[in-house]
Protein backbone atom coordinates (compact mmCIF):
# COMPACT_ATOMS: atom_id res chain seq x y z
CA MET A 1 143.53 128.27 67.33
CA GLN A 2 147.43 128.33 67.07
CA ILE A 3 147.71 130.17 70.33
CA PHE A 4 145.97 127.25 72.25
CA ASP A 5 147.95 124.70 70.17
CA ARG A 6 151.22 126.21 71.45
CA LEU A 7 149.78 126.36 75.00
CA GLU A 8 149.08 122.85 74.91
CA LYS A 9 152.57 121.86 73.38
CA ASN A 10 154.06 123.74 76.27
CA ARG A 11 152.56 121.12 78.70
CA ASP A 12 155.09 118.63 77.49
CA TRP A 13 152.84 115.54 77.56
CA SER A 14 154.58 112.25 77.86
CA GLU A 15 153.80 109.43 75.38
CA GLU A 16 151.60 107.78 78.00
CA GLU A 17 149.73 111.14 78.93
CA CYS A 18 149.11 111.69 75.14
CA LEU A 19 147.61 108.18 74.98
CA VAL A 20 145.25 108.87 77.88
CA LEU A 21 144.18 112.25 76.35
CA ASP A 22 143.51 110.80 73.05
CA GLN A 23 141.32 108.11 74.80
CA VAL A 24 139.57 110.74 76.90
CA ARG A 25 138.87 112.91 73.63
CA ARG A 26 137.52 109.90 71.78
CA VAL A 27 135.18 109.13 74.70
CA ALA A 28 134.06 112.77 74.82
CA ASP A 29 133.37 112.99 71.24
CA ASP A 30 131.74 109.42 70.81
CA VAL A 31 129.76 109.23 74.03
CA ILE A 32 129.70 112.30 76.25
CA THR A 33 128.92 115.00 73.89
CA PRO A 34 126.10 113.21 72.05
CA ASN A 35 124.45 112.36 75.39
CA ALA A 36 124.79 115.91 76.97
CA ALA A 37 121.80 117.66 75.44
CA LEU A 38 119.39 114.77 76.30
CA ALA A 39 120.76 114.45 79.83
CA ASP A 40 120.37 118.08 80.40
CA GLU A 41 116.73 118.02 79.04
CA SER A 42 115.58 115.13 81.24
CA GLY A 43 117.68 115.71 84.15
CA GLU A 44 118.56 112.11 84.37
CA PHE A 45 121.99 110.95 85.79
CA PRO A 46 124.37 110.42 82.88
CA TRP A 47 125.25 106.91 83.79
CA LYS A 48 126.22 106.01 80.25
CA SER A 49 128.81 108.94 80.31
CA VAL A 50 130.22 107.68 83.63
CA GLU A 51 130.45 104.29 82.74
CA ALA A 52 132.56 105.37 79.60
CA ILE A 53 134.82 107.40 81.94
CA ASN A 54 135.10 104.29 84.30
CA ALA A 55 135.94 102.01 81.26
CA LEU A 56 139.11 104.24 80.94
CA GLY A 57 140.00 103.99 84.61
CA LEU A 58 140.08 107.78 84.99
CA ASN A 59 139.71 107.63 88.83
CA ALA A 60 143.06 105.71 89.11
CA ILE A 61 144.99 108.73 87.95
CA PHE A 62 144.33 110.47 91.31
CA VAL A 63 144.50 107.23 93.58
CA PRO A 64 147.91 106.15 94.97
CA GLU A 65 149.18 102.73 93.47
CA ALA A 66 149.42 101.04 96.86
CA PHE A 67 145.57 101.44 97.07
CA GLY A 68 144.48 100.38 93.45
CA GLY A 69 145.51 103.41 91.54
CA ALA A 70 147.84 104.45 88.73
CA PRO A 71 148.76 107.94 89.60
CA MET A 72 149.72 110.56 87.06
CA ARG A 73 150.45 114.41 86.99
CA LEU A 74 147.88 116.83 88.46
CA THR A 75 148.24 118.69 85.19
CA LEU A 76 146.82 115.73 83.27
CA TYR A 77 143.91 115.45 85.73
CA LEU A 78 143.16 119.15 85.17
CA GLU A 79 143.35 118.54 81.43
CA ILE A 80 140.84 115.70 81.63
CA VAL A 81 138.48 117.66 83.65
CA LYS A 82 138.55 120.34 81.07
CA ILE A 83 137.94 117.91 78.12
CA LEU A 84 134.98 116.23 80.14
CA SER A 85 133.38 119.59 80.98
CA GLU A 86 133.77 120.85 77.47
CA ALA A 87 131.79 117.79 76.37
CA CYS A 88 129.21 117.97 79.28
CA ALA A 89 129.47 120.07 82.30
CA SER A 90 127.41 117.72 84.26
CA THR A 91 129.75 114.89 83.51
CA GLY A 92 132.72 117.00 84.26
CA ILE A 93 131.68 117.94 87.73
CA ILE A 94 130.46 114.27 88.48
CA TYR A 95 133.96 113.03 87.78
CA ALA A 96 135.72 116.03 89.49
CA THR A 97 133.59 115.69 92.68
CA SER A 98 135.01 112.24 93.20
CA TYR A 99 138.32 113.81 93.33
CA HIS A 100 137.23 116.58 95.73
CA GLY A 101 135.70 114.11 98.09
CA MET A 102 138.43 111.72 98.25
CA LYS A 103 141.63 113.84 98.00
CA PRO A 104 141.40 114.72 101.73
CA LEU A 105 141.24 110.88 102.39
CA ILE A 106 144.36 110.37 100.19
CA ASP A 107 146.19 113.30 101.81
CA TYR A 108 145.20 113.00 105.44
CA GLY A 109 143.97 109.31 105.85
CA THR A 110 145.95 106.63 107.52
CA ASP A 111 147.27 103.68 105.57
CA GLU A 112 144.55 101.62 107.00
CA GLN A 113 141.74 103.97 106.09
CA ARG A 114 143.12 104.31 102.58
CA ALA A 115 143.51 100.59 102.07
CA ARG A 116 140.03 100.03 103.06
CA LEU A 117 138.14 102.91 101.38
CA LEU A 118 140.15 103.96 98.32
CA PRO A 119 139.94 100.73 96.11
CA LYS A 120 136.36 101.19 95.47
CA ILE A 121 137.02 104.71 94.26
CA ALA A 122 139.94 103.52 92.23
CA GLU A 123 137.59 100.97 90.60
CA GLY A 124 135.18 103.74 89.31
CA GLY A 125 133.13 104.45 92.54
CA LEU A 126 131.77 107.77 92.99
CA GLY A 127 132.68 110.17 95.79
CA ALA A 128 131.20 113.20 97.35
CA LEU A 129 131.92 116.10 99.55
CA ALA A 130 129.54 117.17 102.17
CA ILE A 131 130.12 120.63 103.84
CA THR A 132 127.17 122.97 103.09
CA GLU A 133 124.27 123.27 105.41
CA PRO A 134 121.24 125.76 105.39
CA THR A 135 123.05 127.63 108.18
CA ALA A 136 126.62 127.10 106.86
CA GLY A 137 127.73 128.15 103.54
CA SER A 138 130.85 130.07 103.09
CA ASP A 139 131.14 130.19 106.86
CA ALA A 140 131.53 126.47 107.64
CA THR A 141 131.79 127.21 111.38
CA GLY A 142 127.94 127.48 111.12
CA MET A 143 127.40 123.79 110.48
CA LYS A 144 125.11 121.93 112.82
CA THR A 145 125.58 118.27 111.90
CA ARG A 146 126.87 116.54 115.06
CA PHE A 147 129.26 113.64 115.55
CA THR A 148 128.86 112.02 118.99
CA PRO A 149 131.26 109.30 120.06
CA ASP A 150 129.79 105.99 121.30
CA GLY A 151 132.34 103.38 122.04
CA ASP A 152 133.93 102.15 118.73
CA ASP A 153 131.40 104.09 116.72
CA ILE A 154 130.38 107.78 115.91
CA VAL A 155 126.70 108.64 115.88
CA ILE A 156 125.85 111.35 113.18
CA ASP A 157 122.75 113.63 113.35
CA GLY A 158 122.13 116.60 111.24
CA SER A 159 121.82 117.48 107.37
CA LYS A 160 123.56 118.73 104.46
CA ILE A 161 122.44 120.57 101.25
CA PHE A 162 123.53 121.13 97.68
CA ILE A 163 125.66 117.81 97.79
CA THR A 164 126.85 117.00 94.23
CA ASN A 165 126.80 113.26 93.71
CA GLY A 166 125.01 112.96 97.32
CA ASP A 167 122.42 110.24 95.97
CA VAL A 168 124.97 108.22 94.04
CA ALA A 169 128.15 108.29 95.93
CA ASP A 170 130.00 105.21 97.23
CA ARG A 171 132.00 107.28 99.82
CA ILE A 172 131.06 110.72 101.11
CA LEU A 173 133.46 112.90 102.90
CA LEU A 174 131.43 114.31 105.79
CA PHE A 175 132.16 117.47 108.00
CA GLY A 176 130.39 117.92 111.13
CA LYS A 177 130.98 119.22 114.83
CA TRP A 178 132.40 116.94 117.64
CA SER A 179 129.89 116.88 120.28
CA ALA A 180 132.30 117.12 123.27
CA ILE A 181 134.03 120.33 121.81
CA GLU A 182 132.28 123.44 122.29
CA ASP A 183 134.36 125.87 120.30
CA PRO A 184 132.58 126.19 116.71
CA LYS A 185 135.84 126.24 114.93
CA ASP A 186 137.80 123.66 117.04
CA ALA A 187 134.80 121.25 116.95
CA ILE A 188 134.64 120.86 113.24
CA SER A 189 135.71 117.16 112.42
CA VAL A 190 135.62 114.93 109.33
CA LEU A 191 134.94 111.36 108.54
CA VAL A 192 134.12 108.92 105.58
CA LEU A 193 130.58 107.74 105.33
CA GLU A 194 130.16 104.51 103.37
CA LYS A 195 127.08 103.85 101.26
CA GLY A 196 124.17 102.01 102.59
CA ALA A 197 124.41 103.25 106.28
CA ASP A 198 121.19 102.92 108.21
CA GLY A 199 119.69 106.23 109.08
CA PHE A 200 121.08 108.04 105.97
CA SER A 201 118.60 109.24 103.63
CA VAL A 202 118.38 111.53 100.42
CA ILE A 203 115.43 113.95 101.28
CA GLY A 204 115.70 116.01 98.23
CA LYS A 205 117.05 116.48 94.79
CA GLU A 206 117.43 120.08 93.61
CA ARG A 207 115.92 121.33 90.27
CA LYS A 208 118.54 123.69 88.72
CA MET A 209 119.37 126.23 86.37
CA GLY A 210 122.32 124.40 85.00
CA HIS A 211 124.16 121.11 85.56
CA ARG A 212 120.81 119.44 85.40
CA ALA A 213 121.97 116.02 84.91
CA SER A 214 124.39 116.20 87.89
CA SER A 215 122.54 115.26 90.87
CA THR A 216 122.58 117.88 93.79
CA CYS A 217 121.02 116.55 96.89
CA ALA A 218 119.72 117.39 100.44
CA LEU A 219 120.98 114.59 102.71
CA SER A 220 119.64 113.70 106.22
CA PHE A 221 121.55 111.74 109.08
CA ASP A 222 119.39 110.25 111.84
CA GLY A 223 121.45 108.33 114.27
CA VAL A 224 123.74 107.09 111.56
CA ARG A 225 126.52 104.89 113.12
CA VAL A 226 129.92 105.05 111.52
CA PRO A 227 133.04 103.12 112.71
CA ARG A 228 135.37 105.57 114.63
CA ALA A 229 138.00 104.13 112.36
CA ASN A 230 136.39 106.17 109.56
CA LEU A 231 137.48 109.54 111.38
CA ILE A 232 140.13 111.25 109.45
CA GLY A 233 142.77 112.74 111.85
CA ASP A 234 141.58 113.49 115.34
CA PRO A 235 138.38 115.12 116.66
CA GLY A 236 138.71 118.92 115.92
CA ASP A 237 141.11 118.46 113.04
CA GLY A 238 138.20 119.22 110.54
CA LEU A 239 138.83 122.80 109.78
CA ARG A 240 142.45 122.36 108.92
CA ILE A 241 141.56 119.43 106.70
CA LEU A 242 138.86 121.39 105.11
CA LEU A 243 141.09 124.51 104.25
CA GLY A 244 143.73 122.28 102.90
CA SER A 245 141.28 120.32 100.87
CA LEU A 246 139.78 123.41 99.30
CA ASN A 247 143.04 124.56 98.19
CA LYS A 248 143.35 121.26 96.13
CA SER A 249 139.87 121.23 94.78
CA ARG A 250 139.84 124.90 93.66
CA PRO A 251 142.34 124.29 90.71
CA SER A 252 139.89 121.32 89.78
CA VAL A 253 136.88 123.66 89.94
CA ALA A 254 138.70 126.02 87.68
CA ALA A 255 139.64 123.30 85.12
CA HIS A 256 135.80 122.65 85.11
CA ALA A 257 135.03 126.28 84.44
CA LEU A 258 137.55 126.54 81.86
CA GLY A 259 135.94 123.39 80.12
CA ILE A 260 132.79 125.43 79.80
CA ALA A 261 134.67 128.40 78.52
CA ARG A 262 136.51 126.42 75.91
CA ALA A 263 133.36 125.10 74.54
CA ALA A 264 131.72 128.52 74.36
CA PHE A 265 134.84 129.94 72.62
CA ARG A 266 134.91 127.17 70.09
CA ASP A 267 131.21 127.58 69.37
CA SER A 268 131.46 131.30 69.02
CA VAL A 269 134.40 131.11 66.56
CA ALA A 270 132.47 128.24 64.36
CA TYR A 271 129.39 130.13 64.40
CA ILE A 272 130.57 133.81 63.50
CA ASN A 273 132.76 132.12 60.77
CA GLU A 274 129.55 130.56 59.14
CA ARG A 275 126.87 133.23 59.85
CA VAL A 276 126.64 135.86 57.19
CA GLN A 277 124.84 139.29 57.57
CA SER A 278 125.00 142.27 55.09
CA ARG A 279 126.90 139.83 52.79
CA ARG A 280 129.84 139.50 55.21
CA LYS A 281 130.72 136.81 57.83
CA ILE A 282 129.99 138.40 61.07
CA ILE A 283 133.71 137.68 62.25
CA GLU A 284 134.59 140.19 59.69
CA PHE A 285 132.95 143.11 61.68
CA GLN A 286 135.62 144.89 63.79
CA ALA A 287 133.45 144.85 67.00
CA ASN A 288 133.35 141.09 66.87
CA GLN A 289 136.91 140.71 66.09
CA PHE A 290 137.94 143.02 69.21
CA LEU A 291 135.55 141.07 71.50
CA LEU A 292 136.96 137.76 70.37
CA ALA A 293 140.52 139.05 70.87
CA ASP A 294 139.74 139.87 74.47
CA LEU A 295 138.18 136.50 74.92
CA ALA A 296 141.16 134.64 73.43
CA ALA A 297 143.46 136.54 75.64
CA ASP A 298 141.55 135.84 78.83
CA LEU A 299 141.27 132.16 78.05
CA ALA A 300 144.98 131.86 77.14
CA GLN A 301 146.07 133.57 80.31
CA THR A 302 143.80 131.87 82.56
CA GLU A 303 144.87 128.41 81.22
CA ALA A 304 148.51 129.40 81.78
CA TRP A 305 147.86 130.59 85.25
CA LEU A 306 146.18 127.15 86.04
CA ASP A 307 149.19 125.38 84.64
CA TYR A 308 151.28 127.55 86.82
CA VAL A 309 149.18 126.48 89.95
CA ALA A 310 149.44 122.88 88.95
CA ARG A 311 153.16 122.95 88.82
CA MET A 312 153.45 124.63 92.02
CA ILE A 313 151.70 121.61 93.66
CA GLU A 314 153.43 119.03 91.57
CA ASN A 315 156.73 120.57 92.91
CA GLY A 316 155.81 120.03 96.40
CA GLU A 317 154.79 123.71 97.27
CA THR A 318 152.34 123.97 100.26
CA ASP A 319 151.66 127.43 100.38
CA TYR A 320 149.50 128.08 97.21
CA GLY A 321 146.03 129.07 98.65
CA LEU A 322 145.98 132.45 97.11
CA GLU A 323 147.07 131.15 93.73
CA ALA A 324 144.26 128.58 93.82
CA SER A 325 141.74 131.30 94.79
CA MET A 326 142.82 133.34 91.80
CA ALA A 327 142.62 130.35 89.45
CA LYS A 328 139.02 129.59 90.62
CA MET A 329 137.94 133.09 90.63
CA ARG A 330 139.32 134.14 87.27
CA ALA A 331 138.36 130.77 85.51
CA SER A 332 134.70 131.01 86.69
CA ASP A 333 134.34 134.65 85.85
CA LEU A 334 135.60 133.89 82.38
CA ALA A 335 133.26 130.84 82.08
CA MET A 336 130.27 133.42 82.63
CA LYS A 337 131.75 136.09 80.40
CA MET A 338 132.68 133.60 77.54
CA THR A 339 129.30 131.99 77.67
CA GLU A 340 127.31 135.30 77.59
CA ALA A 341 129.43 136.39 74.65
CA CYS A 342 128.61 133.03 72.84
CA VAL A 343 124.96 133.55 73.38
CA GLN A 344 125.31 137.14 72.05
CA PHE A 345 127.30 135.94 69.06
CA HIS A 346 124.51 133.57 68.12
CA GLY A 347 121.91 136.24 68.36
CA GLY A 348 118.28 134.87 68.72
CA TYR A 349 119.54 131.26 68.11
CA GLY A 350 121.68 131.53 71.28
CA TYR A 351 118.61 132.01 73.33
CA CYS A 352 117.12 128.84 72.01
CA ALA A 353 117.94 125.23 72.58
CA ASP A 354 118.77 124.67 68.89
CA TYR A 355 122.48 125.50 69.89
CA ARG A 356 124.13 124.66 73.05
CA ALA A 357 124.93 128.16 73.80
CA GLU A 358 122.08 128.80 76.06
CA ARG A 359 123.09 125.62 78.08
CA LEU A 360 126.67 126.59 78.41
CA MET A 361 125.60 129.84 79.90
CA ARG A 362 123.36 128.12 82.46
CA ASP A 363 126.01 125.80 83.34
CA ALA A 364 128.62 128.53 83.78
CA LYS A 365 126.71 130.45 86.59
CA ILE A 366 127.21 127.84 89.41
CA THR A 367 130.95 128.04 88.87
CA GLN A 368 131.13 131.54 90.29
CA ILE A 369 129.05 130.34 93.45
CA TRP A 370 130.41 126.92 94.51
CA GLU A 371 133.75 126.17 96.19
CA GLY A 372 133.73 129.59 97.74
CA THR A 373 131.76 132.31 96.29
CA ASN A 374 133.96 134.67 94.05
CA GLN A 375 133.21 137.41 96.55
CA ILE A 376 134.92 135.30 99.19
CA HIS A 377 137.97 134.75 96.83
CA ARG A 378 138.39 138.47 96.21
CA GLN A 379 137.98 138.93 99.85
CA LEU A 380 140.95 136.41 100.66
CA ILE A 381 143.07 137.71 97.93
CA GLY A 382 142.47 141.40 98.68
CA ARG A 383 143.22 141.29 102.52
CA SER A 384 146.47 139.45 101.85
CA PHE A 385 147.95 142.79 100.99
CA ILE A 386 147.12 144.22 104.41
CA GLU A 387 150.43 145.33 105.92
CA LYS A 388 150.99 143.91 109.46
């Protein structure tokens, strides 16, 4: 693992960051990993793991200090997502989704909105991001959720599907269309829905291939009234905010996928160093060494690319959408490739629940789908080379 040790050293962690990472690794080892298999089997929300995360105050690292946070480098946040996701993919995405949902409020909200809505998140509250609808997946302009202004309020009618944390979130960043604007792109707007609003209901919880402990919900909005003060930006600013927000969340999703890939790689190396066939460890067979070499190179290079994207953002770059797409696409494809190899290395055991290889493979698949399918990312990257 010397390659990855050197990669880790190159991140140049400060003393404070090392302390945070040590605490996160300890919680991952002592609480989250032991709870992962049972949570996957039962499908119950891993409150014990979430409480352990909150005991470390991990939400605070992405919330500004003025609103109850203790902000640190994006590189550190991404490493935390990897560690949590390596321990339990469900727990990792629960944590990351609070960032995905609240980062647009941090970046585009007013000081009044942030002072009112962010302290709950900094204290450990959960966030959610609500975009997808039955008629609006990769094409957000197809959404039908409606925002109707009514005096000092906005009335929400519509529904959302596939919303991570939808039933447990304290704050939901909700996208819909402003009723007075006809153009489907110009109408998209965004607001923050607070927990407990009348007319809001969870109408279903998905039974999924993977991430079984992470709740994925269908939501309904029936005349829900939200203060107009919760509108982020102006009516019609939603698409601009959405695209900017996805550029921030895609590196986070890449980190989540890399956490799964790390787990599969470590499990593969450990198993093939132990398993003996024909009086030889199976790592001694050249075919397995070649595959392991390719996987190690892919993992190291993808991690290094994500570090590069993080530095771009930390240095104030604003045009990094393609780099973020590349990170998400490569990391999620690698998660699937790595977990498939892990199952294969384990042979028949990999297909059984005795080892976590099969769970990792189930967890990996969704990373190629959410936050923009990888087909969409390939299209975005590919068409950027069209000469005008």
